[in-house]
Amino acid sequence: MLTPGSDLTRDLAEWLPGQRWFGGKDGPIDEISIGTATELRGGDPALHHLVLDVRQNGATDQYQLLLGVRRHLPDRLRHVEIGRDTGRAGKARLYDAAHDPDLTRTLLDALADEASIGRLRFRHVAGARIRTDLASLPITTEQSNTSLLFGDAYICKLFRRLSHGVNLDLEVNLALTRGGCAHVPAVHGWIELEPDDAGAEPVTLGLLSDYLHTGADGWSLAIASVRDWFAYPLPSGDEWAELDASAAGGDFAAEAERLGAATAQVHRALADTFGVTIVPADEVRALAARMNAELAATCRAVPRLAPHAKALAAVFLDLAARAEPMPVQRVHGDYHLGQVLRTESGWALLDFEGEPARTQSERRALAHPLRDVAGMLRSFEYAARFLITKAGIVPTESGPHLETRAHAWAARNRAAFCRGYAAAGGADPAAHSVLMHAFEFEKAVYEVRYEARNRPAWLPVPLKSLAHLTA
């Protein structure tokens, strides 16, 4: 058995801040304790499921960890070593077992059997037959969770930072799967933690769904298009400024329009499944006030945003002045190019759990569907400027010319997305300009705060786009 004592918690305190999915990088860890520890497999290697209680700044967050224990750690796992179990003779090695295919197959076995182990419950959709002969491979791209690919059949998302109750990603995807929505991967099973309190909802730990192995993520496709556009030779003098981004190969606009249509179809499925509520004008004014308060707080935390504060606040005040009753429903909540896949049959939407830096109540709040549209428009701005921030990736060219190119690419794809969204029955963004501007600027403020806390090197991306949008 694992002996989780002070050595383990000390090692975790050193290891956690270096993990992409750890949300407390902006402050010191005050205390770590083991909330639950469940042995999923004994022997060597052994597998333990831990829920970590991490106390920071007077609040406690819970994180999930699959802890592997090996007497001898192979080279392929040294990069995820956490420490040593000094309670064992010979000091067994402890590591993040999400990266160990010898152990993660245990999850498939348990899901197939609908096993109950300690407080862990493994569930599958009625009638699902889950294969257990597949090895896993962790996705290495930056994420706030950890996803494991099991062959070409499944993707298992392990939620690292846990929230109370059923995770939105499970709740929404399961409902859309049962409703036959063609634009989400089908859910096969999930893992949950039985709560301490009788009557409380179980805590979602993981989600097993179809792996869309023919899919290419929207971010990669968009970046390839931007790279083609930046490499496209332009004539000298002022004539080049009259060209648009469609002149280069790899134009993304047709796909952006199809993505807009798929987004509208998913919004309609969400409305049909969960319903639509009309909120009064007072709630819209309260929403505008929250946007303004978040702007003020972010300016204090990130002074580089302050030069844009007046223009941003004016948009929020305009929303309050023109407030009227507004329909709200379930939406994606964290919609961007990294959350969509282009497959052989069309676009698929992923990850419905909301923005990672928001509170649970904020992520569960209903919203106008154009909030998702604004998120995707912001993502086009990100894609257009990402390469400018990555030294050496694009050809040498003056900064103003690159920024003009970026603006041309973003404008073309934003327009195409909105055109596809409106044509497929979504609310026309052009007819709701006040609401759209408020949602887009709210998202930009969130991005500035998020990047400052988690990815400081990316902070110039939202700031550069704001310099244009608020001019």
Protein backbone atom coordinates (compact mmCIF):
# COMPACT_ATOMS: atom_id res chain seq x y z
CA MET A 1 0.00 0.00 0.00
CA LEU A 2 1.03 3.58 -0.59
CA THR A 3 1.91 5.49 2.55
CA PRO A 4 0.90 9.09 1.72
CA GLY A 5 2.75 11.11 4.31
CA SER A 6 4.58 14.41 4.57
CA ASP A 7 7.21 13.42 1.98
CA LEU A 8 4.53 12.95 -0.69
CA THR A 9 2.76 16.23 0.07
CA ARG A 10 6.09 18.05 0.12
CA ASP A 11 6.99 16.55 -3.27
CA LEU A 12 3.57 17.46 -4.63
CA ALA A 13 3.98 21.07 -3.49
CA GLU A 14 7.12 21.28 -5.62
CA TRP A 15 5.67 19.37 -8.58
CA LEU A 16 2.18 20.84 -8.94
CA PRO A 17 3.09 24.43 -9.92
CA GLY A 18 4.95 23.09 -12.95
CA GLN A 19 1.87 21.36 -14.38
CA ARG A 20 -0.05 23.07 -17.17
CA TRP A 21 -3.38 22.11 -15.60
CA PHE A 22 -2.61 23.50 -12.13
CA GLY A 23 -4.68 26.63 -11.63
CA GLY A 24 -2.81 28.19 -8.71
CA LYS A 25 0.39 29.38 -10.38
CA ASP A 26 -0.18 32.99 -9.27
CA GLY A 27 0.43 32.30 -5.56
CA PRO A 28 2.19 30.02 -3.09
CA ILE A 29 0.68 26.76 -1.91
CA ASP A 30 -0.17 27.01 1.79
CA GLU A 31 -1.03 23.36 2.40
CA ILE A 32 -1.66 20.09 0.57
CA SER A 33 -3.53 17.15 2.03
CA ILE A 34 -4.81 13.87 0.61
CA GLY A 35 -8.61 14.03 0.49
CA THR A 36 -9.12 10.47 -0.77
CA ALA A 37 -6.70 7.71 -1.71
CA THR A 38 -8.02 4.64 -3.56
CA GLU A 39 -5.91 1.71 -4.69
CA LEU A 40 -6.94 0.70 -8.22
CA ARG A 41 -4.19 -1.84 -8.77
CA GLY A 42 -1.63 -3.42 -6.47
CA GLY A 43 1.76 -4.92 -7.19
CA ASP A 44 4.57 -3.35 -9.16
CA PRO A 45 3.62 -1.12 -10.88
CA ALA A 46 0.74 -0.05 -8.63
CA LEU A 47 -1.93 2.52 -9.35
CA HIS A 48 -3.60 4.81 -6.80
CA HIS A 49 -6.29 7.40 -7.37
CA LEU A 50 -5.81 10.55 -5.26
CA VAL A 51 -7.92 13.62 -4.70
CA LEU A 52 -5.65 16.40 -3.47
CA ASP A 53 -6.93 19.26 -1.29
CA VAL A 54 -4.75 22.26 -2.17
CA ARG A 55 -5.10 25.33 0.03
CA GLN A 56 -4.12 28.73 -1.39
CA ASN A 57 -5.09 32.27 -0.39
CA GLY A 58 -7.68 31.06 2.10
CA ALA A 59 -9.47 28.78 -0.41
CA THR A 60 -9.17 25.04 -1.10
CA ASP A 61 -9.25 23.52 -4.57
CA GLN A 62 -9.36 19.81 -5.34
CA TYR A 63 -7.20 18.15 -7.99
CA GLN A 64 -7.25 14.62 -9.35
CA LEU A 65 -4.06 12.59 -9.67
CA LEU A 66 -3.44 9.07 -10.92
CA LEU A 67 -0.37 8.14 -8.89
CA GLY A 68 1.87 5.37 -10.18
CA VAL A 69 4.27 3.48 -7.91
CA ARG A 70 7.25 1.58 -9.34
CA ARG A 71 10.36 0.22 -7.72
CA HIS A 72 12.29 1.04 -10.90
CA LEU A 73 11.12 3.91 -13.09
CA PRO A 74 11.78 3.46 -16.84
CA ASP A 75 13.33 6.31 -18.79
CA ARG A 76 10.06 6.94 -20.67
CA LEU A 77 8.40 8.01 -17.38
CA ARG A 78 11.19 10.02 -15.77
CA HIS A 79 9.73 13.29 -17.06
CA VAL A 80 6.60 12.77 -14.92
CA GLU A 81 8.33 11.67 -11.71
CA ILE A 82 6.95 13.31 -8.58
CA GLY A 83 9.17 11.88 -5.83
CA ARG A 84 9.79 8.78 -3.75
CA ASP A 85 7.75 6.84 -1.24
CA THR A 86 10.12 6.82 1.71
CA GLY A 87 7.77 4.54 3.61
CA ARG A 88 8.83 1.65 1.36
CA ALA A 89 12.04 -0.29 1.51
CA GLY A 90 14.17 0.79 -1.40
CA LYS A 91 12.21 4.03 -1.84
CA ALA A 92 9.71 3.29 -4.61
CA ARG A 93 9.32 5.94 -7.31
CA LEU A 94 6.11 7.98 -7.53
CA TYR A 95 4.92 9.51 -10.80
CA ASP A 96 1.94 10.78 -12.78
CA ALA A 97 0.45 7.52 -14.05
CA ALA A 98 -1.71 9.23 -16.67
CA HIS A 99 1.41 8.82 -18.83
CA ASP A 100 1.78 5.08 -18.17
CA PRO A 101 -0.13 2.82 -20.60
CA ASP A 102 0.68 -0.19 -18.39
CA LEU A 103 -1.64 1.29 -15.77
CA THR A 104 -4.26 3.38 -17.58
CA ARG A 105 -5.83 0.28 -19.14
CA THR A 106 -7.19 -0.29 -15.62
CA LEU A 107 -9.64 2.54 -16.34
CA LEU A 108 -11.08 0.75 -19.39
CA ASP A 109 -11.45 -2.49 -17.44
CA ALA A 110 -13.33 -0.70 -14.68
CA LEU A 111 -15.58 1.19 -17.10
CA ALA A 112 -16.44 -2.00 -19.00
CA ASP A 113 -17.35 -3.75 -15.72
CA GLU A 114 -19.09 -0.70 -14.19
CA ALA A 115 -16.89 -1.29 -11.17
CA SER A 116 -17.22 0.36 -7.76
CA ILE A 117 -13.88 0.74 -5.95
CA GLY A 118 -13.95 2.60 -2.67
CA ARG A 119 -15.81 5.81 -3.43
CA LEU A 120 -15.05 5.60 -7.16
CA ARG A 121 -17.86 4.65 -9.52
CA PHE A 122 -17.24 3.66 -13.16
CA ARG A 123 -20.29 4.04 -15.42
CA HIS A 124 -21.06 3.40 -19.07
CA VAL A 125 -23.92 4.35 -21.35
CA ALA A 126 -26.63 1.73 -21.62
CA GLY A 127 -25.75 -0.79 -24.28
CA ALA A 128 -22.15 0.39 -24.69
CA ARG A 129 -19.49 -2.28 -25.12
CA ILE A 130 -16.16 -0.82 -24.14
CA ARG A 131 -13.00 -2.37 -25.54
CA THR A 132 -10.33 -3.13 -22.95
CA ASP A 133 -7.47 -4.17 -25.23
CA LEU A 134 -6.27 -0.66 -26.09
CA ALA A 135 -3.13 1.12 -24.91
CA SER A 136 -3.28 4.81 -24.05
CA LEU A 137 -1.30 7.79 -25.25
CA PRO A 138 -1.62 11.16 -23.50
CA ILE A 139 -2.28 14.21 -25.65
CA THR A 140 0.71 16.49 -25.20
CA THR A 141 -0.83 19.80 -26.28
CA GLU A 142 -1.44 22.39 -23.58
CA GLN A 143 -4.71 21.75 -21.76
CA SER A 144 -6.35 22.50 -18.43
CA ASN A 145 -7.14 18.76 -18.17
CA THR A 146 -5.43 15.55 -19.32
CA SER A 147 -6.78 13.54 -22.25
CA LEU A 148 -5.77 9.97 -23.06
CA LEU A 149 -6.15 8.42 -26.48
CA PHE A 150 -7.02 4.72 -26.39
CA GLY A 151 -6.05 3.44 -29.83
CA ASP A 152 -8.23 5.00 -32.49
CA ALA A 153 -11.44 4.29 -30.58
CA TYR A 154 -11.72 6.47 -27.46
CA ILE A 155 -10.54 9.63 -25.82
CA CYS A 156 -10.70 9.75 -22.03
CA LYS A 157 -10.63 13.20 -20.49
CA LEU A 158 -9.45 13.27 -16.88
CA PHE A 159 -10.62 16.43 -15.13
CA ARG A 160 -7.66 17.67 -13.12
CA ARG A 161 -9.23 20.54 -11.19
CA LEU A 162 -12.45 19.14 -9.80
CA SER A 163 -15.76 20.91 -9.31
CA HIS A 164 -18.62 19.92 -7.07
CA GLY A 165 -21.31 17.83 -8.71
CA VAL A 166 -21.71 16.68 -12.28
CA ASN A 167 -19.22 18.28 -14.66
CA LEU A 168 -20.82 20.38 -17.38
CA ASP A 169 -18.86 18.58 -20.07
CA LEU A 170 -20.44 15.26 -19.08
CA GLU A 171 -23.90 16.71 -18.53
CA VAL A 172 -24.04 18.50 -21.88
CA ASN A 173 -22.29 15.90 -24.02
CA LEU A 174 -24.34 13.05 -22.57
CA ALA A 175 -27.59 14.92 -23.25
CA LEU A 176 -26.53 15.81 -26.80
CA THR A 177 -25.40 12.22 -27.42
CA ARG A 178 -28.77 10.90 -26.31
CA GLY A 179 -30.46 13.51 -28.51
CA GLY A 180 -28.53 12.38 -31.58
CA CYS A 181 -26.56 15.61 -32.16
CA ALA A 182 -24.11 14.96 -35.02
CA HIS A 183 -21.66 17.69 -34.01
CA VAL A 184 -20.37 16.23 -30.72
CA PRO A 185 -18.40 13.01 -30.06
CA ALA A 186 -20.62 10.26 -28.64
CA VAL A 187 -20.19 9.57 -24.91
CA HIS A 188 -19.48 5.96 -23.88
CA GLY A 189 -18.83 6.22 -20.14
CA TRP A 190 -17.69 8.31 -17.21
CA ILE A 191 -15.97 8.09 -13.82
CA GLU A 192 -17.35 9.71 -10.69
CA LEU A 193 -16.57 10.11 -7.00
CA GLU A 194 -19.31 9.37 -4.50
CA PRO A 195 -19.73 12.44 -2.25
CA ASP A 196 -19.31 12.50 1.50
CA ASP A 197 -22.66 14.21 2.03
CA ALA A 198 -25.81 12.17 1.54
CA GLY A 199 -27.95 13.67 -1.20
CA ALA A 200 -25.09 15.56 -2.86
CA GLU A 201 -24.28 14.99 -6.51
CA PRO A 202 -21.31 12.78 -7.41
CA VAL A 203 -18.15 14.56 -8.56
CA THR A 204 -17.25 13.87 -12.21
CA LEU A 205 -13.67 12.63 -12.58
CA GLY A 206 -13.45 11.52 -16.21
CA LEU A 207 -15.33 11.22 -19.49
CA LEU A 208 -14.88 8.53 -22.16
CA SER A 209 -16.10 9.39 -25.64
CA ASP A 210 -15.47 8.69 -29.32
CA TYR A 211 -12.04 9.62 -30.60
CA LEU A 212 -12.52 11.41 -33.90
CA HIS A 213 -9.28 10.10 -35.35
CA THR A 214 -9.81 11.70 -38.76
CA GLY A 215 -10.24 15.13 -37.19
CA ALA A 216 -7.88 18.11 -37.37
CA ASP A 217 -8.28 20.77 -34.70
CA GLY A 218 -9.44 24.18 -35.80
CA TRP A 219 -6.48 25.99 -34.25
CA SER A 220 -3.91 24.04 -36.29
CA LEU A 221 -5.87 24.55 -39.50
CA ALA A 222 -6.22 28.26 -38.83
CA ILE A 223 -2.53 28.70 -38.00
CA ALA A 224 -1.57 26.93 -41.24
CA SER A 225 -3.79 29.37 -43.12
CA VAL A 226 -2.24 32.38 -41.36
CA ARG A 227 1.25 31.06 -42.11
CA ASP A 228 0.37 30.81 -45.83
CA TRP A 229 -0.98 34.35 -45.77
CA PHE A 230 2.08 35.76 -44.01
CA ALA A 231 4.37 34.00 -46.51
CA TYR A 232 2.42 35.26 -49.53
CA PRO A 233 4.58 37.84 -51.39
CA LEU A 234 2.98 41.25 -51.64
CA PRO A 235 3.88 43.98 -54.11
CA SER A 236 5.92 46.93 -52.95
CA GLY A 237 4.46 50.32 -52.26
CA ASP A 238 0.92 50.98 -51.11
CA GLU A 239 -0.79 48.63 -53.56
CA TRP A 240 -0.32 45.61 -51.28
CA ALA A 241 -2.67 47.08 -48.70
CA GLU A 242 -5.62 46.65 -51.10
CA LEU A 243 -5.21 42.86 -51.23
CA ASP A 244 -7.23 40.61 -48.96
CA ALA A 245 -6.36 37.33 -47.26
CA SER A 246 -8.11 35.25 -49.94
CA ALA A 247 -5.17 35.94 -52.28
CA ALA A 248 -2.96 33.35 -50.57
CA GLY A 249 -3.29 29.58 -50.65
CA GLY A 250 -4.82 27.83 -47.67
CA ASP A 251 -7.69 30.28 -47.31
CA PHE A 252 -9.75 29.33 -44.24
CA ALA A 253 -12.90 31.34 -44.90
CA ALA A 254 -14.98 28.49 -46.36
CA GLU A 255 -14.24 26.36 -43.29
CA ALA A 256 -14.98 29.30 -41.00
CA GLU A 257 -18.40 29.62 -42.63
CA ARG A 258 -19.10 25.89 -42.19
CA LEU A 259 -18.00 26.16 -38.56
CA GLY A 260 -20.45 29.01 -38.04
CA ALA A 261 -23.26 26.82 -39.38
CA ALA A 262 -22.29 23.88 -37.15
CA THR A 263 -22.20 26.22 -34.14
CA ALA A 264 -25.74 27.43 -34.83
CA GLN A 265 -26.94 23.83 -35.13
CA VAL A 266 -25.42 22.89 -31.77
CA HIS A 267 -26.95 25.97 -30.16
CA ARG A 268 -30.33 24.90 -31.48
CA ALA A 269 -29.80 21.36 -30.09
CA LEU A 270 -28.86 22.84 -26.70
CA ALA A 271 -32.00 24.97 -26.72
CA ASP A 272 -34.16 21.98 -27.63
CA THR A 273 -32.56 19.80 -24.94
CA PHE A 274 -32.25 22.22 -22.02
CA GLY A 275 -34.72 24.96 -22.90
CA VAL A 276 -34.54 28.75 -23.25
CA THR A 277 -35.23 31.37 -20.57
CA ILE A 278 -35.98 35.07 -21.06
CA VAL A 279 -34.23 37.27 -18.50
CA PRO A 280 -35.50 40.82 -17.81
CA ALA A 281 -33.65 43.99 -18.72
CA ASP A 282 -32.53 44.44 -15.10
CA GLU A 283 -30.47 41.26 -15.37
CA VAL A 284 -28.85 42.51 -18.56
CA ARG A 285 -27.89 45.72 -16.74
CA ALA A 286 -26.48 43.61 -13.92
CA LEU A 287 -24.48 41.65 -16.50
CA ALA A 288 -23.03 44.90 -17.87
CA ALA A 289 -22.11 45.99 -14.34
CA ARG A 290 -20.26 42.71 -13.75
CA MET A 291 -18.38 43.18 -17.02
CA ASN A 292 -17.32 46.65 -15.90
CA ALA A 293 -16.29 45.42 -12.44
CA GLU A 294 -14.18 42.67 -13.98
CA LEU A 295 -12.55 45.24 -16.24
CA ALA A 296 -11.60 47.41 -13.25
CA ALA A 297 -10.21 44.43 -11.32
CA THR A 298 -8.19 43.22 -14.30
CA CYS A 299 -6.73 46.69 -14.90
CA ARG A 300 -5.49 46.69 -11.32
CA ALA A 301 -3.98 43.24 -11.72
CA VAL A 302 -2.60 43.80 -15.24
CA PRO A 303 -1.75 47.51 -15.71
CA ARG A 304 -1.00 46.98 -19.42
CA LEU A 305 -4.76 46.74 -19.98
CA ALA A 306 -5.41 50.22 -18.52
CA PRO A 307 -4.86 52.19 -21.78
CA HIS A 308 -7.87 50.35 -23.26
CA ALA A 309 -10.12 50.69 -20.19
CA LYS A 310 -12.05 53.78 -21.31
CA ALA A 311 -13.04 52.26 -24.67
CA LEU A 312 -13.99 48.95 -23.07
CA ALA A 313 -16.05 50.56 -20.32
CA ALA A 314 -17.96 52.62 -22.89
CA VAL A 315 -19.15 49.43 -24.59
CA PHE A 316 -20.34 47.95 -21.28
CA LEU A 317 -22.14 51.18 -20.41
CA ASP A 318 -23.80 51.15 -23.84
CA LEU A 319 -25.10 47.62 -23.18
CA ALA A 320 -26.58 48.78 -19.85
CA ALA A 321 -28.19 51.85 -21.45
CA ARG A 322 -29.84 49.78 -24.19
CA ALA A 323 -30.78 46.79 -22.02
CA GLU A 324 -33.88 44.83 -22.95
CA PRO A 325 -35.16 41.32 -22.17
CA MET A 326 -32.74 38.71 -23.48
CA PRO A 327 -33.01 34.95 -24.21
CA VAL A 328 -30.45 32.77 -22.43
CA GLN A 329 -29.69 29.05 -22.62
CA ARG A 330 -26.93 26.50 -22.24
CA VAL A 331 -23.97 27.40 -24.42
CA HIS A 332 -20.45 26.10 -24.90
CA GLY A 333 -18.94 28.67 -22.55
CA ASP A 334 -15.28 28.51 -23.64
CA TYR A 335 -15.58 28.51 -27.39
CA HIS A 336 -12.46 28.87 -29.51
CA LEU A 337 -10.59 27.19 -32.36
CA GLY A 338 -8.91 24.72 -30.02
CA GLN A 339 -12.33 23.35 -29.03
CA VAL A 340 -13.41 22.22 -32.51
CA LEU A 341 -12.35 19.44 -34.87
CA ARG A 342 -12.80 19.25 -38.63
CA THR A 343 -13.65 15.64 -39.49
CA GLU A 344 -14.58 13.89 -42.69
CA SER A 345 -18.25 14.57 -41.99
CA GLY A 346 -17.98 18.17 -40.77
CA TRP A 347 -17.14 20.17 -37.66
CA ALA A 348 -17.42 18.73 -34.13
CA LEU A 349 -17.51 20.73 -30.89
CA LEU A 350 -15.60 19.60 -27.79
CA ASP A 351 -15.19 20.52 -24.11
CA PHE A 352 -18.40 22.04 -22.77
CA GLU A 353 -17.11 22.66 -19.23
CA GLY A 354 -16.68 26.43 -19.54
CA GLU A 355 -13.76 28.77 -18.97
CA PRO A 356 -11.22 27.27 -16.54
CA ALA A 357 -10.59 30.55 -14.70
CA ARG A 358 -14.30 31.05 -13.94
CA THR A 359 -16.04 29.85 -10.79
CA GLN A 360 -18.35 26.87 -10.96
CA SER A 361 -21.46 29.06 -10.70
CA GLU A 362 -20.17 31.32 -13.49
CA ARG A 363 -19.51 28.33 -15.75
CA ARG A 364 -22.99 26.93 -15.15
CA ALA A 365 -24.76 30.23 -15.78
CA LEU A 366 -27.03 30.44 -18.81
CA ALA A 367 -26.00 32.90 -21.51
CA HIS A 368 -27.02 34.32 -24.84
CA PRO A 369 -25.66 32.12 -27.68
CA LEU A 370 -23.80 35.11 -29.13
CA ARG A 371 -21.41 34.82 -26.19
CA ASP A 372 -20.00 31.72 -27.92
CA VAL A 373 -19.89 33.59 -31.23
CA ALA A 374 -17.86 36.33 -29.55
CA GLY A 375 -15.49 33.71 -28.16
CA MET A 376 -14.84 32.32 -31.62
CA LEU A 377 -14.31 35.80 -33.06
CA ARG A 378 -11.70 36.38 -30.36
CA SER A 379 -10.07 33.10 -31.36
CA PHE A 380 -9.70 34.32 -34.94
CA GLU A 381 -7.93 37.37 -33.52
CA TYR A 382 -5.63 35.05 -31.56
CA ALA A 383 -4.83 32.90 -34.57
CA ALA A 384 -4.11 35.94 -36.73
CA ARG A 385 -1.52 37.32 -34.30
CA PHE A 386 -0.07 34.18 -32.75
CA LEU A 387 2.76 33.82 -35.26
CA ILE A 388 3.77 37.46 -34.79
CA THR A 389 4.60 36.68 -31.16
CA LYS A 390 6.64 33.58 -32.05
CA ALA A 391 10.07 34.83 -33.10
CA GLY A 392 11.54 33.13 -36.14
CA ILE A 393 8.37 31.45 -37.40
CA VAL A 394 7.32 34.07 -39.95
CA PRO A 395 9.45 35.82 -42.58
CA THR A 396 11.06 39.11 -41.60
CA GLU A 397 8.66 41.95 -42.26
CA SER A 398 7.95 45.25 -40.59
CA GLY A 399 5.65 45.17 -37.59
CA PRO A 400 2.93 47.43 -39.04
CA HIS A 401 2.72 45.34 -42.22
CA LEU A 402 2.39 42.11 -40.23
CA GLU A 403 -0.31 43.63 -38.04
CA THR A 404 -2.21 44.78 -41.14
CA ARG A 405 -1.94 41.28 -42.59
CA ALA A 406 -3.20 39.83 -39.30
CA HIS A 407 -6.16 42.19 -39.28
CA ALA A 408 -7.06 41.28 -42.88
CA TRP A 409 -7.02 37.54 -42.12
CA ALA A 410 -9.06 37.93 -38.93
CA ALA A 411 -11.63 40.21 -40.58
CA ARG A 412 -12.18 37.81 -43.49
CA ASN A 413 -12.71 34.76 -41.25
CA ARG A 414 -14.79 36.58 -38.65
CA ALA A 415 -17.18 37.69 -41.40
CA ALA A 416 -17.35 34.17 -42.86
CA PHE A 417 -18.10 32.60 -39.48
CA CYS A 418 -20.86 35.10 -38.71
CA ARG A 419 -22.33 34.59 -42.19
CA GLY A 420 -22.49 30.82 -41.69
CA TYR A 421 -23.94 31.19 -38.20
CA ALA A 422 -26.76 33.48 -39.30
CA ALA A 423 -27.55 31.44 -42.43
CA ALA A 424 -27.99 28.30 -40.30
CA GLY A 425 -30.56 29.97 -38.07
CA GLY A 426 -28.43 31.56 -35.37
CA ALA A 427 -29.01 35.12 -34.19
CA ASP A 428 -27.43 37.44 -36.76
CA PRO A 429 -24.38 39.05 -35.07
CA ALA A 430 -24.72 42.12 -37.31
CA ALA A 431 -28.21 42.75 -35.93
CA HIS A 432 -26.98 42.58 -32.32
CA SER A 433 -23.88 44.76 -32.51
CA VAL A 434 -24.14 46.20 -28.98
CA LEU A 435 -24.41 42.76 -27.41
CA MET A 436 -21.66 41.36 -29.65
CA HIS A 437 -19.21 44.13 -28.78
CA ALA A 438 -19.88 43.68 -25.07
CA PHE A 439 -19.39 39.91 -25.21
CA GLU A 440 -16.23 40.22 -27.28
CA PHE A 441 -14.68 42.82 -25.00
CA GLU A 442 -15.68 40.81 -21.92
CA LYS A 443 -13.83 37.85 -23.44
CA ALA A 444 -10.80 40.02 -24.21
CA VAL A 445 -10.61 41.17 -20.58
CA TYR A 446 -10.80 37.54 -19.45
CA GLU A 447 -8.00 36.63 -21.87
CA VAL A 448 -5.72 39.34 -20.52
CA ARG A 449 -6.24 38.15 -16.96
CA TYR A 450 -5.84 34.48 -17.91
CA GLU A 451 -2.65 35.01 -19.91
CA ALA A 452 -1.08 37.18 -17.23
CA ARG A 453 -1.65 34.43 -14.67
CA ASN A 454 -0.92 31.34 -16.74
CA ARG A 455 0.96 32.16 -19.97
CA PRO A 456 2.65 35.56 -19.68
CA ALA A 457 4.42 35.07 -23.02
CA TRP A 458 0.98 35.08 -24.71
CA LEU A 459 -0.17 38.35 -23.13
CA PRO A 460 0.77 40.46 -26.19
CA VAL A 461 -1.74 38.50 -28.30
CA PRO A 462 -4.96 39.83 -26.71
CA LEU A 463 -3.38 43.23 -26.08
CA LYS A 464 -2.42 43.66 -29.75
CA SER A 465 -5.89 42.79 -30.93
CA LEU A 466 -7.42 45.20 -28.41
CA ALA A 467 -5.22 47.98 -29.74
CA HIS A 468 -7.04 47.59 -33.06
CA LEU A 469 -10.55 46.84 -31.79
CA THR A 470 -10.67 49.82 -29.41
CA ALA A 471 -9.01 52.30 -31.78
